Amino acid sequence: MDRFDMLTRFVETARLGSFSAAAALLGLPKSSISQAVTNLEKQLGTRLFNRSTRSVSLTSDGETFLPQSIALLSEWDALQSQFITSADSVSGELRIDMPSRFATNILLPILGEFISTYPKITLRVSSVDRKVDLIKEGFDCVIRVGELADSSLVARRLLTYPIYNCVSPDYATKWGIPQSLEDLANHKLIDYSHTLSHKTPEFKFMKGGELHGVEMQSLLSVNSTQAYFAACASGLGIAQIPSVGVESELKEGKLIRVLPEFEAQAMPVNLLYPSRRQMPLRLKVFSEWLVDKLRENKKPC
């Protein structure tokens, strides 16, 4: 067994928290995982894991060794990629996190083509609408909607979503349709907040190239895109929804667009990953494919 195999088994064990889970993921016997880690510990002269009957946890030395191991494996992938040209030669697991509506409405409908082109890449797609620690949780990349906080991650722009102000027909029947910003005083806003904070929600809109806000009443705050969309469709208030996935609802009359002249700033969508220099080949081909596919489908960008 070479050292890169040992490092891979160590990293997966650390990420999953057990030898059994790492063995299942890699398709290997549990004994080969534990033996690889033991051999690695002997070579390093230190314990990397605290072991119990059901799980393992990193020692302080293991915590130090893990990010360096991930970086080394990424460097190895990048080096290999310089000499691999055929799609059939690109392999490995690609772990991606993204918002649920992006997965449902953008990625999953077109993903079959990528799988056919790169049959040796295994995809793990997370879409639970929460912030993830890309490095700690072992993701190769994340797709994020909205303005980005300062970060050491590399960002690649994928799309820009227009934002639509929407209500349901039931809401319009009960409360009417606002015709002006002044009318918003008589309406309810569905608040979207990752932290479910107590901050007074605002109806956002662009004017003169600047973003403005009007404070509104809100009886509901949610922290998931699926819940946000469902709340609007259920008539619980006005929602400012990214255009992706709502075009059909608007055409079918399931949602009504209101105040189109007062809409929020278009929302960027970016692909984020740790380092361009250490980009694994499987991530490189995925990012290039996704950008090309979205351009081909003429998505807003």
Protein backbone atom coordinates (compact mmCIF):
# COMPACT_ATOMS: atom_id res chain seq x y z
CA MET A 1 0.00 0.00 0.00
CA ASP A 2 1.44 3.39 -0.98
CA ARG A 3 1.42 6.45 1.22
CA PHE A 4 -1.31 8.20 -0.75
CA ASP A 5 -3.64 5.24 -0.13
CA MET A 6 -2.89 5.47 3.58
CA LEU A 7 -3.56 9.20 3.58
CA THR A 8 -6.85 8.70 1.74
CA ARG A 9 -8.01 6.14 4.31
CA PHE A 10 -6.95 8.39 7.16
CA VAL A 11 -8.78 11.43 5.71
CA GLU A 12 -12.02 9.52 5.08
CA THR A 13 -11.92 8.01 8.57
CA ALA A 14 -11.44 11.46 10.07
CA ARG A 15 -14.26 12.92 7.99
CA LEU A 16 -16.74 10.13 8.72
CA GLY A 17 -15.72 9.38 12.30
CA SER A 18 -15.44 5.61 12.00
CA PHE A 19 -13.43 2.89 10.28
CA SER A 20 -16.64 1.13 9.21
CA ALA A 21 -18.05 4.21 7.45
CA ALA A 22 -14.75 4.87 5.68
CA ALA A 23 -14.58 1.23 4.60
CA ALA A 24 -18.14 1.37 3.22
CA LEU A 25 -17.40 4.57 1.31
CA LEU A 26 -14.16 3.27 -0.21
CA GLY A 27 -15.49 -0.23 -0.84
CA LEU A 28 -12.81 -1.87 1.29
CA PRO A 29 -12.76 -4.20 4.30
CA LYS A 30 -12.83 -2.44 7.66
CA SER A 31 -9.58 -4.19 8.60
CA SER A 32 -7.74 -2.59 5.67
CA ILE A 33 -8.78 0.88 6.85
CA SER A 34 -7.76 0.36 10.46
CA GLN A 35 -4.49 -1.31 9.43
CA ALA A 36 -3.64 1.58 7.10
CA VAL A 37 -4.19 4.08 9.90
CA THR A 38 -2.14 1.98 12.31
CA ASN A 39 0.72 1.78 9.80
CA LEU A 40 0.54 5.53 9.25
CA GLU A 41 0.69 6.16 13.00
CA LYS A 42 3.75 3.91 13.26
CA GLN A 43 5.50 5.81 10.47
CA LEU A 44 4.72 9.15 12.12
CA GLY A 45 5.48 7.96 15.63
CA THR A 46 2.24 9.37 17.07
CA ARG A 47 -1.42 8.49 17.57
CA LEU A 48 -3.79 10.17 15.12
CA PHE A 49 -7.07 8.86 16.57
CA ASN A 50 -8.65 8.19 19.92
CA ARG A 51 -10.50 4.91 19.46
CA SER A 52 -13.72 3.61 21.04
CA THR A 53 -15.85 0.58 20.19
CA ARG A 54 -18.18 2.60 17.93
CA SER A 55 -16.25 5.63 16.72
CA VAL A 56 -12.92 7.39 16.48
CA SER A 57 -11.95 11.00 17.11
CA LEU A 58 -8.85 12.92 16.16
CA THR A 59 -6.09 13.50 18.68
CA SER A 60 -4.42 16.91 18.76
CA ASP A 61 -1.73 15.54 16.43
CA GLY A 62 -4.47 14.16 14.19
CA GLU A 63 -6.12 17.60 14.06
CA THR A 64 -2.80 19.07 12.93
CA PHE A 65 -2.13 16.32 10.40
CA LEU A 66 -5.59 16.31 8.74
CA PRO A 67 -5.53 19.62 6.79
CA GLN A 68 -1.98 18.92 5.62
CA SER A 69 -3.09 15.48 4.40
CA ILE A 70 -6.04 16.97 2.51
CA ALA A 71 -3.74 19.53 0.89
CA LEU A 72 -1.21 16.85 -0.09
CA LEU A 73 -3.89 14.66 -1.68
CA SER A 74 -5.21 17.68 -3.59
CA GLU A 75 -1.69 18.44 -4.84
CA TRP A 76 -1.37 14.83 -6.00
CA ASP A 77 -4.70 15.03 -7.83
CA ALA A 78 -3.59 18.26 -9.50
CA LEU A 79 -0.28 16.70 -10.55
CA GLN A 80 -2.05 13.66 -12.01
CA SER A 81 -4.47 15.89 -13.90
CA GLN A 82 -1.61 17.30 -15.97
CA PHE A 83 -1.12 13.89 -17.54
CA ILE A 84 -4.73 12.65 -17.79
CA THR A 85 -6.74 13.73 -20.81
CA SER A 86 -9.57 11.23 -21.37
CA ALA A 87 -12.90 11.58 -19.53
CA ASP A 88 -12.86 7.88 -18.72
CA SER A 89 -9.64 8.38 -16.74
CA VAL A 90 -11.10 10.98 -14.36
CA SER A 91 -12.31 9.29 -11.19
CA GLY A 92 -12.98 9.78 -7.52
CA GLU A 93 -15.68 11.17 -5.26
CA LEU A 94 -16.93 14.74 -5.70
CA ARG A 95 -18.78 16.21 -2.70
CA ILE A 96 -20.88 19.30 -3.42
CA ASP A 97 -23.19 21.40 -1.25
CA MET A 98 -25.81 23.74 -2.73
CA PRO A 99 -29.22 25.29 -2.01
CA SER A 100 -32.11 22.87 -2.43
CA ARG A 101 -33.85 24.86 -5.17
CA PHE A 102 -30.64 25.10 -7.20
CA ALA A 103 -30.28 21.33 -6.94
CA THR A 104 -33.92 20.70 -7.86
CA ASN A 105 -34.35 23.25 -10.63
CA ILE A 106 -30.89 23.67 -12.13
CA LEU A 107 -28.42 20.86 -11.45
CA LEU A 108 -30.36 17.61 -11.15
CA PRO A 109 -32.28 17.99 -14.44
CA ILE A 110 -29.00 18.22 -16.39
CA LEU A 111 -26.73 16.04 -14.24
CA GLY A 112 -27.29 12.88 -16.28
CA GLU A 113 -25.09 14.24 -19.06
CA PHE A 114 -22.18 14.77 -16.66
CA ILE A 115 -22.56 11.26 -15.23
CA SER A 116 -22.58 9.79 -18.74
CA THR A 117 -19.47 11.75 -19.70
CA TYR A 118 -17.56 10.99 -16.48
CA PRO A 119 -18.81 7.56 -15.36
CA LYS A 120 -15.99 7.05 -12.86
CA ILE A 121 -16.81 10.16 -10.80
CA THR A 122 -19.11 9.49 -7.85
CA LEU A 123 -21.22 12.50 -6.86
CA ARG A 124 -22.37 13.28 -3.31
CA VAL A 125 -24.84 16.19 -3.43
CA SER A 126 -25.90 17.94 -0.22
CA SER A 127 -28.84 20.37 -0.43
CA VAL A 128 -29.99 20.97 3.13
CA ASP A 129 -29.98 24.80 3.04
CA ARG A 130 -27.48 25.35 5.82
CA LYS A 131 -24.02 26.81 5.95
CA VAL A 132 -21.36 24.11 5.82
CA ASP A 133 -17.68 24.18 6.71
CA LEU A 134 -16.23 23.20 3.35
CA ILE A 135 -12.89 22.01 4.72
CA LYS A 136 -14.04 20.41 7.97
CA GLU A 137 -16.95 18.55 6.37
CA GLY A 138 -14.91 17.37 3.42
CA PHE A 139 -16.71 19.14 0.56
CA ASP A 140 -14.82 19.74 -2.67
CA CYS A 141 -16.95 22.76 -3.52
CA VAL A 142 -20.13 24.60 -2.58
CA ILE A 143 -22.60 26.60 -4.65
CA ARG A 144 -23.80 29.73 -2.91
CA VAL A 145 -26.57 32.19 -3.76
CA GLY A 146 -26.17 35.83 -2.71
CA GLU A 147 -23.35 38.21 -1.95
CA LEU A 148 -20.26 36.51 -0.55
CA ALA A 149 -18.63 37.27 2.77
CA ASP A 150 -14.88 37.84 2.76
CA SER A 151 -13.33 34.43 2.33
CA SER A 152 -10.12 32.68 1.39
CA LEU A 153 -12.14 30.50 -0.99
CA VAL A 154 -11.90 30.92 -4.75
CA ALA A 155 -15.22 32.06 -6.30
CA ARG A 156 -16.39 31.47 -9.86
CA ARG A 157 -19.58 33.20 -11.04
CA LEU A 158 -22.19 30.82 -12.46
CA LEU A 159 -25.44 32.76 -12.70
CA THR A 160 -27.27 35.88 -11.70
CA TYR A 161 -30.89 35.44 -10.60
CA PRO A 162 -33.41 38.27 -10.99
CA ILE A 163 -35.53 38.63 -7.84
CA TYR A 164 -39.33 38.61 -8.19
CA ASN A 165 -41.81 39.95 -5.63
CA CYS A 166 -44.46 37.25 -5.41
CA VAL A 167 -47.77 36.50 -3.68
CA SER A 168 -50.23 33.66 -4.05
CA PRO A 169 -53.76 34.09 -5.47
CA ASP A 170 -55.17 33.34 -1.99
CA TYR A 171 -53.08 36.12 -0.48
CA ALA A 172 -54.15 38.54 -3.23
CA THR A 173 -57.82 37.70 -2.60
CA LYS A 174 -57.48 38.31 1.15
CA TRP A 175 -55.12 41.30 1.24
CA GLY A 176 -55.16 42.70 -2.28
CA ILE A 177 -52.19 43.45 -4.52
CA PRO A 178 -49.89 46.32 -3.49
CA GLN A 179 -49.69 49.03 -6.13
CA SER A 180 -47.07 51.23 -4.46
CA LEU A 181 -44.44 51.19 -1.73
CA GLU A 182 -46.92 53.02 0.52
CA ASP A 183 -49.35 50.09 0.18
CA LEU A 184 -46.82 47.79 1.86
CA ALA A 185 -47.90 49.19 5.25
CA ASN A 186 -51.04 47.08 4.86
CA HIS A 187 -49.27 43.88 3.86
CA LYS A 188 -47.22 41.07 5.42
CA LEU A 189 -43.70 40.03 4.41
CA ILE A 190 -42.32 36.51 4.75
CA ASP A 191 -38.91 36.91 6.37
CA TYR A 192 -36.02 34.76 5.15
CA SER A 193 -33.16 34.53 7.65
CA HIS A 194 -30.49 31.85 8.14
CA THR A 195 -30.35 32.69 11.85
CA LEU A 196 -34.07 33.42 12.41
CA SER A 197 -32.99 36.71 13.97
CA HIS A 198 -35.33 39.23 15.62
CA LYS A 199 -34.29 42.01 13.24
CA THR A 200 -37.24 43.86 11.69
CA PRO A 201 -37.64 42.48 8.14
CA GLU A 202 -37.41 44.80 5.15
CA PHE A 203 -38.83 44.78 1.65
CA LYS A 204 -35.72 45.35 -0.48
CA PHE A 205 -35.66 47.20 -3.80
CA MET A 206 -33.21 48.92 -6.14
CA LYS A 207 -33.53 52.61 -6.96
CA GLY A 208 -30.97 54.82 -8.65
CA GLY A 209 -28.44 52.00 -8.56
CA GLU A 210 -28.70 51.69 -4.77
CA LEU A 211 -30.40 49.13 -2.55
CA HIS A 212 -33.20 50.48 -0.34
CA GLY A 213 -35.47 48.88 2.24
CA VAL A 214 -38.96 49.42 3.62
CA GLU A 215 -39.67 47.92 7.05
CA MET A 216 -42.70 45.62 7.01
CA GLN A 217 -44.77 43.51 9.35
CA SER A 218 -43.97 39.81 9.34
CA LEU A 219 -45.71 36.94 11.10
CA LEU A 220 -43.37 34.27 9.77
CA SER A 221 -39.60 33.81 9.50
CA VAL A 222 -38.02 30.78 7.78
CA ASN A 223 -34.46 29.63 7.11
CA SER A 224 -34.93 27.26 4.17
CA THR A 225 -35.53 28.08 0.52
CA GLN A 226 -38.10 25.31 0.19
CA ALA A 227 -40.01 26.59 3.21
CA TYR A 228 -39.80 30.16 1.89
CA PHE A 229 -41.32 29.17 -1.44
CA ALA A 230 -43.98 26.99 0.23
CA ALA A 231 -44.95 29.80 2.61
CA CYS A 232 -45.49 32.16 -0.32
CA ALA A 233 -47.50 29.57 -2.26
CA SER A 234 -49.63 29.03 0.86
CA GLY A 235 -50.61 32.69 1.03
CA LEU A 236 -48.64 33.65 4.13
CA GLY A 237 -47.17 36.87 2.76
CA ILE A 238 -45.06 38.60 0.13
CA ALA A 239 -41.82 36.82 -0.76
CA GLN A 240 -38.85 38.14 -2.72
CA ILE A 241 -37.91 34.98 -4.57
CA PRO A 242 -35.04 34.27 -6.98
CA SER A 243 -36.53 33.71 -10.42
CA VAL A 244 -35.19 30.18 -10.77
CA GLY A 245 -37.97 27.66 -10.48
CA VAL A 246 -40.87 30.14 -10.23
CA GLU A 247 -41.35 30.94 -13.93
CA SER A 248 -43.75 28.03 -14.40
CA GLU A 249 -45.73 28.95 -11.26
CA LEU A 250 -46.10 32.50 -12.58
CA LYS A 251 -47.22 31.32 -16.02
CA GLU A 252 -49.71 28.88 -14.49
CA GLY A 253 -51.12 31.51 -12.15
CA LYS A 254 -50.00 29.73 -8.99
CA LEU A 255 -48.04 32.85 -8.05
CA ILE A 256 -48.55 36.51 -8.91
CA ARG A 257 -45.68 38.94 -9.50
CA VAL A 258 -46.21 42.29 -7.78
CA LEU A 259 -44.42 45.65 -7.81
CA PRO A 260 -42.06 44.63 -10.65
CA GLU A 261 -40.67 48.18 -10.73
CA PHE A 262 -39.46 47.75 -7.12
CA GLU A 263 -37.43 44.56 -7.11
CA ALA A 264 -34.33 43.69 -5.13
CA GLN A 265 -30.82 43.51 -6.51
CA ALA A 266 -30.23 40.49 -8.75
CA MET A 267 -28.70 37.65 -6.78
CA PRO A 268 -25.34 36.16 -7.88
CA VAL A 269 -24.65 32.43 -7.78
CA ASN A 270 -21.04 31.33 -7.28
CA LEU A 271 -19.10 28.10 -7.18
CA LEU A 272 -16.63 28.17 -4.27
CA TYR A 273 -13.62 25.92 -3.70
CA PRO A 274 -10.47 26.09 -1.56
CA SER A 275 -7.66 26.73 -4.03
CA ARG A 276 -7.22 27.02 -7.77
CA ARG A 277 -3.66 25.75 -7.43
CA GLN A 278 -4.73 22.55 -5.68
CA MET A 279 -7.93 21.91 -7.66
CA PRO A 280 -8.52 18.15 -8.14
CA LEU A 281 -9.19 17.10 -11.73
CA ARG A 282 -12.68 15.84 -10.87
CA LEU A 283 -13.57 19.31 -9.59
CA LYS A 284 -11.97 21.03 -12.56
CA VAL A 285 -13.97 19.02 -15.10
CA PHE A 286 -17.19 19.51 -13.10
CA SER A 287 -16.79 23.29 -12.87
CA GLU A 288 -15.96 23.61 -16.57
CA TRP A 289 -18.89 21.38 -17.52
CA LEU A 290 -21.35 23.29 -15.32
CA VAL A 291 -20.31 26.71 -16.65
CA ASP A 292 -20.53 25.48 -20.26
CA LYS A 293 -23.87 23.77 -19.67
CA LEU A 294 -25.46 26.82 -18.09
CA ARG A 295 -24.18 29.00 -20.94
CA GLU A 296 -25.51 26.50 -23.47
CA ASN A 297 -28.93 26.52 -21.81
CA LYS A 298 -28.86 30.34 -21.86
CA LYS A 299 -29.42 30.71 -18.14
CA PRO A 300 -29.09 34.29 -16.88
CA CYS A 301 -25.44 35.00 -16.15
